[in-house]
PDB file of N, CA and C in Angstrom:
ATOM      1  N   PHE A   1      26.821   0.959 -17.018  1.00  0.00           N
ATOM      2  CA  PHE A   1      26.471   0.305 -15.773  1.00  0.00           C
ATOM      3  C   PHE A   1      25.844   1.308 -14.800  1.00  0.00           C
ATOM      4  N   VAL A   2      26.461   2.465 -14.728  1.00  0.00           N
ATOM      5  CA  VAL A   2      25.948   3.520 -13.845  1.00  0.00           C
ATOM      6  C   VAL A   2      24.603   4.010 -14.361  1.00  0.00           C
ATOM      7  N   GLN A   3      24.481   4.122 -15.690  1.00  0.00           N
ATOM      8  CA  GLN A   3      23.205   4.562 -16.263  1.00  0.00           C
ATOM      9  C   GLN A   3      22.093   3.577 -15.941  1.00  0.00           C
ATOM     10  N   ARG A   4      22.420   2.296 -16.005  1.00  0.00           N
ATOM     11  CA  ARG A   4      21.422   1.274 -15.675  1.00  0.00           C
ATOM     12  C   ARG A   4      21.028   1.382 -14.201  1.00  0.00           C
ATOM     13  N   SER A   5      21.994   1.635 -13.346  1.00  0.00           N
ATOM     14  CA  SER A   5      21.710   1.798 -11.924  1.00  0.00           C
ATOM     15  C   SER A   5      20.825   3.015 -11.691  1.00  0.00           C
ATOM     16  N   GLU A   6      21.123   4.106 -12.396  1.00  0.00           N
ATOM     17  CA  GLU A   6      20.306   5.306 -12.269  1.00  0.00           C
ATOM     18  C   GLU A   6      18.890   5.049 -12.772  1.00  0.00           C
ATOM     19  N   TRP A   7      18.777   4.305 -13.863  1.00  0.00           N
ATOM     20  CA  TRP A   7      17.468   3.975 -14.403  1.00  0.00           C
ATOM     21  C   TRP A   7      16.683   3.134 -13.398  1.00  0.00           C
ATOM     22  N   ASN A   8      17.351   2.147 -12.792  1.00  0.00           N
ATOM     23  CA  ASN A   8      16.700   1.320 -11.778  1.00  0.00           C
ATOM     24  C   ASN A   8      16.256   2.158 -10.589  1.00  0.00           C
ATOM     25  N   LEU A   9      17.077   3.097 -10.203  1.00  0.00           N
ATOM     26  CA  LEU A   9      16.730   3.979  -9.084  1.00  0.00           C
ATOM     27  C   LEU A   9      15.511   4.829  -9.427  1.00  0.00           C
ATOM     28  N   GLN A  10      15.457   5.347 -10.645  1.00  0.00           N
ATOM     29  CA  GLN A  10      14.301   6.133 -11.073  1.00  0.00           C
ATOM     30  C   GLN A  10      13.041   5.263 -11.102  1.00  0.00           C
ATOM     31  N   LEU A  11      13.196   4.030 -11.573  1.00  0.00           N
ATOM     32  CA  LEU A  11      12.068   3.110 -11.608  1.00  0.00           C
ATOM     33  C   LEU A  11      11.559   2.827 -10.198  1.00  0.00           C
ATOM     34  N   MET A  12      12.482   2.635  -9.280  1.00  0.00           N
ATOM     35  CA  MET A  12      12.106   2.358  -7.898  1.00  0.00           C
ATOM     36  C   MET A  12      11.414   3.572  -7.271  1.00  0.00           C
ATOM     37  N   THR A  13      11.905   4.751  -7.603  1.00  0.00           N
ATOM     38  CA  THR A  13      11.292   5.977  -7.089  1.00  0.00           C
ATOM     39  C   THR A  13       9.864   6.097  -7.601  1.00  0.00           C
ATOM     40  N   GLN A  14       9.679   5.794  -8.883  1.00  0.00           N
ATOM     41  CA  GLN A  14       8.341   5.851  -9.474  1.00  0.00           C
ATOM     42  C   GLN A  14       7.410   4.852  -8.791  1.00  0.00           C
ATOM     43  N   ARG A  15       7.895   3.646  -8.553  1.00  0.00           N
ATOM     44  CA  ARG A  15       7.074   2.639  -7.878  1.00  0.00           C
ATOM     45  C   ARG A  15       6.733   3.079  -6.459  1.00  0.00           C
ATOM     46  N   ALA A  16       7.682   3.675  -5.786  1.00  0.00           N
ATOM     47  CA  ALA A  16       7.431   4.144  -4.417  1.00  0.00           C
ATOM     48  C   ALA A  16       6.354   5.234  -4.417  1.00  0.00           C
ATOM     49  N   LEU A  17       6.413   6.144  -5.399  1.00  0.00           N
ATOM     50  CA  LEU A  17       5.407   7.201  -5.484  1.00  0.00           C
ATOM     51  C   LEU A  17       4.028   6.610  -5.773  1.00  0.00           C
ATOM     52  N   GLU A  18       3.978   5.610  -6.650  1.00  0.00           N
ATOM     53  CA  GLU A  18       2.701   4.952  -6.939  1.00  0.00           C
ATOM     54  C   GLU A  18       2.167   4.264  -5.690  1.00  0.00           C
ATOM     55  N   ALA A  19       3.055   3.621  -4.950  1.00  0.00           N
ATOM     56  CA  ALA A  19       2.631   2.942  -3.725  1.00  0.00           C
ATOM     57  C   ALA A  19       2.108   3.956  -2.708  1.00  0.00           C
ATOM     58  N   GLU A  20       2.759   5.109  -2.608  1.00  0.00           N
ATOM     59  CA  GLU A  20       2.288   6.149  -1.697  1.00  0.00           C
ATOM     60  C   GLU A  20       0.902   6.622  -2.107  1.00  0.00           C
ATOM     61  N   GLY A  21       0.680   6.765  -3.408  1.00  0.00           N
ATOM     62  CA  GLY A  21      -0.641   7.153  -3.899  1.00  0.00           C
ATOM     63  C   GLY A  21      -1.686   6.117  -3.536  1.00  0.00           C
ATOM     64  N   ASN A  22      -1.318   4.853  -3.663  1.00  0.00           N
ATOM     65  CA  ASN A  22      -2.250   3.780  -3.296  1.00  0.00           C
ATOM     66  C   ASN A  22      -2.538   3.798  -1.806  1.00  0.00           C
ATOM     67  N   VAL A  23      -1.540   4.102  -1.016  1.00  0.00           N
ATOM     68  CA  VAL A  23      -1.744   4.181   0.428  1.00  0.00           C
ATOM     69  C   VAL A  23      -2.754   5.284   0.745  1.00  0.00           C
ATOM     70  N   GLU A  24      -2.658   6.413   0.057  1.00  0.00           N
ATOM     71  CA  GLU A  24      -3.611   7.499   0.293  1.00  0.00           C
ATOM     72  C   GLU A  24      -5.022   7.076  -0.092  1.00  0.00           C
ATOM     73  N   LYS A  25      -5.158   6.369  -1.215  1.00  0.00           N
ATOM     74  CA  LYS A  25      -6.483   5.875  -1.623  1.00  0.00           C
ATOM     75  C   LYS A  25      -7.027   4.913  -0.577  1.00  0.00           C
ATOM     76  N   LEU A  26      -6.151   4.061  -0.073  1.00  0.00           N
ATOM     77  CA  LEU A  26      -6.579   3.101   0.943  1.00  0.00           C
ATOM     78  C   LEU A  26      -7.004   3.809   2.219  1.00  0.00           C
ATOM     79  N   LYS A  27      -6.305   4.874   2.582  1.00  0.00           N
ATOM     80  CA  LYS A  27      -6.692   5.646   3.769  1.00  0.00           C
ATOM     81  C   LYS A  27      -8.096   6.221   3.595  1.00  0.00           C
ATOM     82  N   GLN A  28      -8.397   6.704   2.378  1.00  0.00           N
ATOM     83  CA  GLN A  28      -9.728   7.246   2.115  1.00  0.00           C
ATOM     84  C   GLN A  28     -10.782   6.157   2.219  1.00  0.00           C
ATOM     85  N   LYS A  29     -10.476   4.980   1.683  1.00  0.00           N
ATOM     86  CA  LYS A  29     -11.428   3.872   1.764  1.00  0.00           C
ATOM     87  C   LYS A  29     -11.634   3.442   3.212  1.00  0.00           C
ATOM     88  N   ILE A  30     -10.570   3.452   3.977  1.00  0.00           N
ATOM     89  CA  ILE A  30     -10.686   3.105   5.399  1.00  0.00           C
ATOM     90  C   ILE A  30     -11.607   4.099   6.102  1.00  0.00           C
ATOM     91  N   PHE A  31     -11.486   5.374   5.752  1.00  0.00           N
ATOM     92  CA  PHE A  31     -12.339   6.403   6.340  1.00  0.00           C
ATOM     93  C   PHE A  31     -13.808   6.099   6.045  1.00  0.00           C
ATOM     94  N   VAL A  32     -14.099   5.719   4.790  1.00  0.00           N
ATOM     95  CA  VAL A  32     -15.469   5.376   4.411  1.00  0.00           C
ATOM     96  C   VAL A  32     -15.946   4.166   5.205  1.00  0.00           C
ATOM     97  N   LEU A  33     -15.085   3.171   5.314  1.00  0.00           N
ATOM     98  CA  LEU A  33     -15.461   1.967   6.054  1.00  0.00           C
ATOM     99  C   LEU A  33     -15.666   2.241   7.529  1.00  0.00           C
ATOM    100  N   GLN A  34     -14.900   3.177   8.078  1.00  0.00           N
ATOM    101  CA  GLN A  34     -15.099   3.535   9.478  1.00  0.00           C
ATOM    102  C   GLN A  34     -16.485   4.141   9.674  1.00  0.00           C
ATOM    103  N   GLY A  35     -16.929   4.921   8.686  1.00  0.00           N
ATOM    104  CA  GLY A  35     -18.288   5.461   8.744  1.00  0.00           C
ATOM    105  C   GLY A  35     -19.327   4.353   8.711  1.00  0.00           C
ATOM    106  N   GLU A  36     -19.092   3.381   7.843  1.00  0.00           N
ATOM    107  CA  GLU A  36     -19.990   2.230   7.775  1.00  0.00           C
ATOM    108  C   GLU A  36     -19.979   1.459   9.092  1.00  0.00           C
ATOM    109  N   LEU A  37     -18.816   1.324   9.678  1.00  0.00           N
ATOM    110  CA  LEU A  37     -18.703   0.623  10.958  1.00  0.00           C
ATOM    111  C   LEU A  37     -19.506   1.339  12.029  1.00  0.00           C
ATOM    112  N   GLU A  38     -19.402   2.659  12.081  1.00  0.00           N
ATOM    113  CA  GLU A  38     -20.168   3.428  13.069  1.00  0.00           C
ATOM    114  C   GLU A  38     -21.659   3.239  12.853  1.00  0.00           C
ATOM    115  N   SER A  39     -22.069   3.210  11.592  1.00  0.00           N
ATOM    116  CA  SER A  39     -23.483   2.982  11.280  1.00  0.00           C
ATOM    117  C   SER A  39     -23.915   1.598  11.754  1.00  0.00           C
ATOM    118  N   SER A  40     -23.065   0.621  11.519  1.00  0.00           N
ATOM    119  CA  SER A  40     -23.376  -0.744  11.951  1.00  0.00           C
ATOM    120  C   SER A  40     -23.428  -0.838  13.469  1.00  0.00           C
ATOM    121  N   LYS A  41     -22.528  -0.115  14.134  1.00  0.00           N
ATOM    122  CA  LYS A  41     -22.555  -0.110  15.597  1.00  0.00           C
ATOM    123  C   LYS A  41     -23.866   0.474  16.109  1.00  0.00           C
ATOM    124  N   ALA A  42     -24.327   1.543  15.461  1.00  0.00           N
ATOM    125  CA  ALA A  42     -25.593   2.154  15.874  1.00  0.00           C
ATOM    126  C   ALA A  42     -26.740   1.178  15.665  1.00  0.00           C
ATOM    127  N   GLU A  43     -26.725   0.478  14.536  1.00  0.00           N
ATOM    128  CA  GLU A  43     -27.762  -0.520  14.282  1.00  0.00           C
ATOM    129  C   GLU A  43     -27.702  -1.636  15.323  1.00  0.00           C
ATOM    130  N   ASN A  44     -26.485  -2.017  15.687  1.00  0.00           N
ATOM    131  CA  ASN A  44     -26.305  -3.055  16.706  1.00  0.00           C
ATOM    132  C   ASN A  44     -26.895  -2.597  18.042  1.00  0.00           C
ATOM    133  N   GLU A  45     -26.645  -1.364  18.395  1.00  0.00           N
ATOM    134  CA  GLU A  45     -27.207  -0.822  19.637  1.00  0.00           C
ATOM    135  C   GLU A  45     -28.729  -0.831  19.587  1.00  0.00           C
ATOM    136  N   ASN A  46     -29.286  -0.492  18.421  1.00  0.00           N
ATOM    137  CA  ASN A  46     -30.744  -0.530  18.273  1.00  0.00           C
ATOM    138  C   ASN A  46     -31.263  -1.949  18.467  1.00  0.00           C
ATOM    139  N   LEU A  47     -30.537  -2.918  17.934  1.00  0.00           N
ATOM    140  CA  LEU A  47     -30.943  -4.315  18.113  1.00  0.00           C
ATOM    141  C   LEU A  47     -30.916  -4.708  19.586  1.00  0.00           C
ATOM    142  N   LYS A  48     -29.846  -4.303  20.259  1.00  0.00           N
ATOM    143  CA  LYS A  48     -29.733  -4.621  21.682  1.00  0.00           C
ATOM    144  C   LYS A  48     -30.855  -3.973  22.488  1.00  0.00           C
ATOM    145  N   ALA A  49     -31.280  -2.795  22.052  1.00  0.00           N
ATOM    146  CA  ALA A  49     -32.340  -2.079  22.754  1.00  0.00           C
ATOM    147  C   ALA A  49     -33.721  -2.637  22.406  1.00  0.00           C
ATOM    148  N   GLY A  50     -33.760  -3.583  21.475  1.00  0.00           N
ATOM    149  CA  GLY A  50     -35.031  -4.208  21.130  1.00  0.00           C
ATOM    150  C   GLY A  50     -35.768  -3.526  20.003  1.00  0.00           C
ATOM    151  N   ARG A  51     -35.162  -2.570  19.362  1.00  0.00           N
ATOM    152  CA  ARG A  51     -35.811  -1.904  18.233  1.00  0.00           C
ATOM    153  C   ARG A  51     -35.616  -2.736  16.973  1.00  0.00           C
ATOM    154  N   MET A  52     -36.598  -2.750  16.136  1.00  0.00           N
ATOM    155  CA  MET A  52     -36.513  -3.516  14.892  1.00  0.00           C
ATOM    156  C   MET A  52     -35.775  -2.692  13.845  1.00  0.00           C
ATOM    157  N   PRO A  53     -34.701  -3.227  13.296  1.00  0.00           N
ATOM    158  CA  PRO A  53     -33.960  -2.495  12.271  1.00  0.00           C
ATOM    159  C   PRO A  53     -34.562  -2.720  10.889  1.00  0.00           C
ATOM    160  N   ASP A  54     -34.145  -1.909   9.984  1.00  0.00           N
ATOM    161  CA  ASP A  54     -34.496  -2.102   8.581  1.00  0.00           C
ATOM    162  C   ASP A  54     -33.524  -3.133   8.027  1.00  0.00           C
ATOM    163  N   LEU A  55     -34.000  -4.380   7.885  1.00  0.00           N
ATOM    164  CA  LEU A  55     -33.118  -5.467   7.472  1.00  0.00           C
ATOM    165  C   LEU A  55     -32.542  -5.245   6.083  1.00  0.00           C
ATOM    166  N   GLY A  56     -33.293  -4.659   5.212  1.00  0.00           N
ATOM    167  CA  GLY A  56     -32.789  -4.375   3.862  1.00  0.00           C
ATOM    168  C   GLY A  56     -31.625  -3.401   3.905  1.00  0.00           C
ATOM    169  N   ALA A  57     -31.756  -2.368   4.701  1.00  0.00           N
ATOM    170  CA  ALA A  57     -30.672  -1.386   4.835  1.00  0.00           C
ATOM    171  C   ALA A  57     -29.461  -2.024   5.494  1.00  0.00           C
ATOM    172  N   MET A  58     -29.737  -2.879   6.478  1.00  0.00           N
ATOM    173  CA  MET A  58     -28.642  -3.542   7.170  1.00  0.00           C
ATOM    174  C   MET A  58     -27.877  -4.449   6.203  1.00  0.00           C
ATOM    175  N   ARG A  59     -28.581  -5.212   5.413  1.00  0.00           N
ATOM    176  CA  ARG A  59     -27.926  -6.085   4.432  1.00  0.00           C
ATOM    177  C   ARG A  59     -27.128  -5.272   3.430  1.00  0.00           C
ATOM    178  N   HIS A  60     -27.713  -4.178   2.990  1.00  0.00           N
ATOM    179  CA  HIS A  60     -27.019  -3.304   2.038  1.00  0.00           C
ATOM    180  C   HIS A  60     -25.719  -2.776   2.654  1.00  0.00           C
ATOM    181  N   ASN A  61     -25.783  -2.327   3.892  1.00  0.00           N
ATOM    182  CA  ASN A  61     -24.593  -1.813   4.568  1.00  0.00           C
ATOM    183  C   ASN A  61     -23.532  -2.885   4.735  1.00  0.00           C
ATOM    184  N   ILE A  62     -23.955  -4.081   5.092  1.00  0.00           N
ATOM    185  CA  ILE A  62     -23.002  -5.177   5.262  1.00  0.00           C
ATOM    186  C   ILE A  62     -22.354  -5.529   3.936  1.00  0.00           C
ATOM    187  N   ASP A  63     -23.163  -5.635   2.872  1.00  0.00           N
ATOM    188  CA  ASP A  63     -22.615  -5.950   1.549  1.00  0.00           C
ATOM    189  C   ASP A  63     -21.646  -4.874   1.084  1.00  0.00           C
ATOM    190  N   PHE A  64     -22.043  -3.626   1.304  1.00  0.00           N
ATOM    191  CA  PHE A  64     -21.185  -2.509   0.901  1.00  0.00           C
ATOM    192  C   PHE A  64     -19.861  -2.546   1.663  1.00  0.00           C
ATOM    193  N   ALA A  65     -19.940  -2.779   2.962  1.00  0.00           N
ATOM    194  CA  ALA A  65     -18.731  -2.827   3.786  1.00  0.00           C
ATOM    195  C   ALA A  65     -17.837  -3.990   3.362  1.00  0.00           C
ATOM    196  N   LEU A  66     -18.424  -5.147   3.096  1.00  0.00           N
ATOM    197  CA  LEU A  66     -17.635  -6.305   2.675  1.00  0.00           C
ATOM    198  C   LEU A  66     -16.956  -6.075   1.329  1.00  0.00           C
ATOM    199  N   GLN A  67     -17.680  -5.495   0.385  1.00  0.00           N
ATOM    200  CA  GLN A  67     -17.096  -5.209  -0.926  1.00  0.00           C
ATOM    201  C   GLN A  67     -15.909  -4.261  -0.782  1.00  0.00           C
ATOM    202  N   ASN A  68     -16.091  -3.215  -0.013  1.00  0.00           N
ATOM    203  CA  ASN A  68     -15.009  -2.255   0.183  1.00  0.00           C
ATOM    204  C   ASN A  68     -13.844  -2.870   0.938  1.00  0.00           C
ATOM    205  N   LEU A  69     -14.139  -3.700   1.899  1.00  0.00           N
ATOM    206  CA  LEU A  69     -13.084  -4.356   2.655  1.00  0.00           C
ATOM    207  C   LEU A  69     -12.247  -5.250   1.745  1.00  0.00           C
ATOM    208  N   HIS A  70     -12.900  -5.998   0.873  1.00  0.00           N
ATOM    209  CA  HIS A  70     -12.158  -6.846  -0.063  1.00  0.00           C
ATOM    210  C   HIS A  70     -11.298  -6.014  -1.009  1.00  0.00           C
ATOM    211  N   LYS A  71     -11.825  -4.896  -1.479  1.00  0.00           N
ATOM    212  CA  LYS A  71     -11.050  -4.017  -2.359  1.00  0.00           C
ATOM    213  C   LYS A  71      -9.834  -3.453  -1.620  1.00  0.00           C
ATOM    214  N   ILE A  72     -10.032  -3.069  -0.387  1.00  0.00           N
ATOM    215  CA  ILE A  72      -8.939  -2.510   0.404  1.00  0.00           C
ATOM    216  C   ILE A  72      -7.871  -3.562   0.646  1.00  0.00           C
ATOM    217  N   ILE A  73      -8.298  -4.768   0.955  1.00  0.00           N
ATOM    218  CA  ILE A  73      -7.330  -5.848   1.187  1.00  0.00           C
ATOM    219  C   ILE A  73      -6.521  -6.118  -0.064  1.00  0.00           C
ATOM    220  N   MET A  74      -7.186  -6.187  -1.209  1.00  0.00           N
ATOM    221  CA  MET A  74      -6.467  -6.434  -2.462  1.00  0.00           C
ATOM    222  C   MET A  74      -5.495  -5.290  -2.759  1.00  0.00           C
ATOM    223  N   GLY A  75      -5.949  -4.064  -2.564  1.00  0.00           N
ATOM    224  CA  GLY A  75      -5.080  -2.912  -2.799  1.00  0.00           C
ATOM    225  C   GLY A  75      -3.907  -2.879  -1.837  1.00  0.00           C
ATOM    226  N   ALA A  76      -4.155  -3.211  -0.593  1.00  0.00           N
ATOM    227  CA  ALA A  76      -3.088  -3.226   0.402  1.00  0.00           C
ATOM    228  C   ALA A  76      -2.065  -4.303   0.064  1.00  0.00           C
ATOM    229  N   ASN A  77      -2.539  -5.479  -0.324  1.00  0.00           N
ATOM    230  CA  ASN A  77      -1.614  -6.543  -0.713  1.00  0.00           C
ATOM    231  C   ASN A  77      -0.757  -6.116  -1.899  1.00  0.00           C
ATOM    232  N   TRP A  78      -1.375  -5.484  -2.880  1.00  0.00           N
ATOM    233  CA  TRP A  78      -0.631  -5.029  -4.060  1.00  0.00           C
ATOM    234  C   TRP A  78       0.408  -3.986  -3.651  1.00  0.00           C
ATOM    235  N   SER A  79      -0.004  -3.043  -2.808  1.00  0.00           N
ATOM    236  CA  SER A  79       0.928  -1.997  -2.366  1.00  0.00           C
ATOM    237  C   SER A  79       2.093  -2.588  -1.588  1.00  0.00           C
ATOM    238  N   ILE A  80       1.808  -3.548  -0.741  1.00  0.00           N
ATOM    239  CA  ILE A  80       2.874  -4.185   0.045  1.00  0.00           C
ATOM    240  C   ILE A  80       3.845  -4.899  -0.879  1.00  0.00           C
ATOM    241  N   LYS A  81       3.313  -5.607  -1.873  1.00  0.00           N
ATOM    242  CA  LYS A  81       4.182  -6.301  -2.832  1.00  0.00           C
ATOM    243  C   LYS A  81       5.039  -5.302  -3.596  1.00  0.00           C
ATOM    244  N   GLN A  82       4.439  -4.189  -4.015  1.00  0.00           N
ATOM    245  CA  GLN A  82       5.184  -3.161  -4.737  1.00  0.00           C
ATOM    246  C   GLN A  82       6.292  -2.565  -3.864  1.00  0.00           C
ATOM    247  N   LEU A  83       5.958  -2.282  -2.617  1.00  0.00           N
ATOM    248  CA  LEU A  83       6.956  -1.714  -1.711  1.00  0.00           C
ATOM    249  C   LEU A  83       8.089  -2.697  -1.450  1.00  0.00           C
ATOM    250  N   ALA A  84       7.739  -3.974  -1.268  1.00  0.00           N
ATOM    251  CA  ALA A  84       8.780  -4.992  -1.034  1.00  0.00           C
ATOM    252  C   ALA A  84       9.663  -5.134  -2.261  1.00  0.00           C
ATOM    253  N   SER A  85       9.051  -5.148  -3.427  1.00  0.00           N
ATOM    254  CA  SER A  85       9.823  -5.258  -4.668  1.00  0.00           C
ATOM    255  C   SER A  85      10.731  -4.042  -4.826  1.00  0.00           C
ATOM    256  N   GLY A  86      10.183  -2.877  -4.536  1.00  0.00           N
ATOM    257  CA  GLY A  86      10.980  -1.657  -4.627  1.00  0.00           C
ATOM    258  C   GLY A  86      12.138  -1.652  -3.661  1.00  0.00           C
ATOM    259  N   ALA A  87      11.901  -2.143  -2.460  1.00  0.00           N
ATOM    260  CA  ALA A  87      12.973  -2.196  -1.462  1.00  0.00           C
ATOM    261  C   ALA A  87      14.074  -3.142  -1.915  1.00  0.00           C
ATOM    262  N   GLU A  88      13.686  -4.284  -2.488  1.00  0.00           N
ATOM    263  CA  GLU A  88      14.684  -5.236  -2.971  1.00  0.00           C
ATOM    264  C   GLU A  88      15.521  -4.619  -4.086  1.00  0.00           C
ATOM    265  N   LEU A  89      14.863  -3.927  -5.002  1.00  0.00           N
ATOM    266  CA  LEU A  89      15.592  -3.306  -6.099  1.00  0.00           C
ATOM    267  C   LEU A  89      16.499  -2.179  -5.606  1.00  0.00           C
ATOM    268  N   LEU A  90      16.024  -1.414  -4.649  1.00  0.00           N
ATOM    269  CA  LEU A  90      16.868  -0.360  -4.094  1.00  0.00           C
ATOM    270  C   LEU A  90      18.092  -0.956  -3.405  1.00  0.00           C
ATOM    271  N   HIS A  91      17.903  -2.072  -2.737  1.00  0.00           N
ATOM    272  CA  HIS A  91      19.029  -2.768  -2.099  1.00  0.00           C
ATOM    273  C   HIS A  91      20.031  -3.204  -3.161  1.00  0.00           C
ATOM    274  N   LEU A  92      19.524  -3.749  -4.268  1.00  0.00           N
ATOM    275  CA  LEU A  92      20.387  -4.177  -5.363  1.00  0.00           C
ATOM    276  C   LEU A  92      21.143  -2.990  -5.949  1.00  0.00           C
ATOM    277  N   VAL A  93      20.447  -1.887  -6.141  1.00  0.00           N
ATOM    278  CA  VAL A  93      21.100  -0.685  -6.684  1.00  0.00           C
ATOM    279  C   VAL A  93      22.179  -0.203  -5.732  1.00  0.00           C
ATOM    280  N   ALA A  94      21.893  -0.244  -4.431  1.00  0.00           N
ATOM    281  CA  ALA A  94      22.898   0.175  -3.448  1.00  0.00           C
ATOM    282  C   ALA A  94      24.131  -0.721  -3.517  1.00  0.00           C
ATOM    283  N   GLU A  95      23.922  -2.034  -3.660  1.00  0.00           N
ATOM    284  CA  GLU A  95      25.051  -2.951  -3.774  1.00  0.00           C
ATOM    285  C   GLU A  95      25.858  -2.680  -5.039  1.00  0.00           C
ATOM    286  N   VAL A  96      25.158  -2.405  -6.131  1.00  0.00           N
ATOM    287  CA  VAL A  96      25.834  -2.105  -7.397  1.00  0.00           C
ATOM    288  C   VAL A  96      26.653  -0.826  -7.262  1.00  0.00           C
ATOM    289  N   LEU A  97      26.067   0.178  -6.637  1.00  0.00           N
ATOM    290  CA  LEU A  97      26.784   1.444  -6.463  1.00  0.00           C
ATOM    291  C   LEU A  97      27.988   1.266  -5.542  1.00  0.00           C
ATOM    292  N   GLU A  98      27.846   0.441  -4.507  1.00  0.00           N
ATOM    293  CA  GLU A  98      28.990   0.154  -3.635  1.00  0.00           C
ATOM    294  C   GLU A  98      30.098  -0.531  -4.421  1.00  0.00           C
ATOM    295  N   SER A  99      29.715  -1.495  -5.238  1.00  0.00           N
ATOM    296  CA  SER A  99      30.705  -2.208  -6.053  1.00  0.00           C
ATOM    297  C   SER A  99      31.392  -1.256  -7.014  1.00  0.00           C
ATOM    298  N   THR A 100      30.621  -0.376  -7.610  1.00  0.00           N
ATOM    299  CA  THR A 100      31.186   0.603  -8.535  1.00  0.00           C
ATOM    300  C   THR A 100      32.181   1.496  -7.811  1.00  0.00           C
ATOM    301  N   GLY A 101      31.814   1.908  -6.597  1.00  0.00           N
ATOM    302  CA  GLY A 101      32.720   2.744  -5.810  1.00  0.00           C
ATOM    303  C   GLY A 101      34.000   2.014  -5.473  1.00  0.00           C
ATOM    304  N   LYS A 102      33.896   0.724  -5.136  1.00  0.00           N
ATOM    305  CA  LYS A 102      35.086  -0.057  -4.814  1.00  0.00           C
ATOM    306  C   LYS A 102      35.964  -0.243  -6.044  1.00  0.00           C
ATOM    307  N   ILE A 103      35.347  -0.467  -7.196  1.00  0.00           N
ATOM    308  CA  ILE A 103      36.121  -0.593  -8.440  1.00  0.00           C
ATOM    309  C   ILE A 103      36.859   0.697  -8.731  1.00  0.00           C
ATOM    310  N   ASN A 104      36.191   1.807  -8.558  1.00  0.00           N
ATOM    311  CA  ASN A 104      36.831   3.110  -8.790  1.00  0.00           C
ATOM    312  C   ASN A 104      37.987   3.330  -7.840  1.00  0.00           C
ATOM    313  N   GLU A 105      37.835   2.908  -6.582  1.00  0.00           N
ATOM    314  CA  GLU A 105      38.909   3.054  -5.611  1.00  0.00           C
ATOM    315  C   GLU A 105      40.125   2.211  -6.008  1.00  0.00           C
ATOM    316  N   VAL A 106      39.867   0.983  -6.463  1.00  0.00           N
ATOM    317  CA  VAL A 106      40.963   0.104  -6.871  1.00  0.00           C
ATOM    318  C   VAL A 106      41.676   0.692  -8.086  1.00  0.00           C
ATOM    319  N   GLU A 107      40.920   1.203  -9.028  1.00  0.00           N
ATOM    320  CA  GLU A 107      41.511   1.813 -10.223  1.00  0.00           C
ATOM    321  C   GLU A 107      42.320   3.054  -9.857  1.00  0.00           C
ATOM    322  N   ALA A 108      41.799   3.822  -8.900  1.00  0.00           N
ATOM    323  CA  ALA A 108      42.510   5.024  -8.475  1.00  0.00           C
ATOM    324  C   ALA A 108      43.807   4.649  -7.765  1.00  0.00           C
ATOM    325  N   ASP A 109      43.769   3.573  -6.991  1.00  0.00           N
ATOM    326  CA  ASP A 109      44.990   3.107  -6.298  1.00  0.00           C
ATOM    327  C   ASP A 109      46.044   2.626  -7.283  1.00  0.00           C
ATOM    328  N   LYS A 110      45.608   2.005  -8.382  1.00  0.00           N
ATOM    329  CA  LYS A 110      46.535   1.511  -9.402  1.00  0.00           C
ATOM    330  C   LYS A 110      47.262   2.650 -10.088  1.00  0.00           C
ATOM    331  N   GLU A 111      46.537   3.746 -10.260  1.00  0.00           N
ATOM    332  CA  GLU A 111      47.118   4.896 -10.943  1.00  0.00           C
ATOM    333  C   GLU A 111      48.086   5.582 -10.002  1.00  0.00           C
TER     334      GLU A 111
END
């Protein structure tokens, strides 16, 4: 029983590390998207100033930003699900360990 709890704890730790790695990847993607956003803001300012933008480049930037945004959203959703699942399992492991401790206390009292 304790071995199974330890195995579950190791599994949860592994999932947490994977989720942390995904968070770092998402941070990098956000950085790229922020660059795209700044570029789009500059293009927007040019439009407001009456300058003609390169519509092909603008479309490319918008498509690129949308594709990356969708990837980030999917990755974030997956990471959140993994973290929630990991938290639930860690809670279960904690309850199991508490129960094990209480059983040991009762057995020790009997002796």
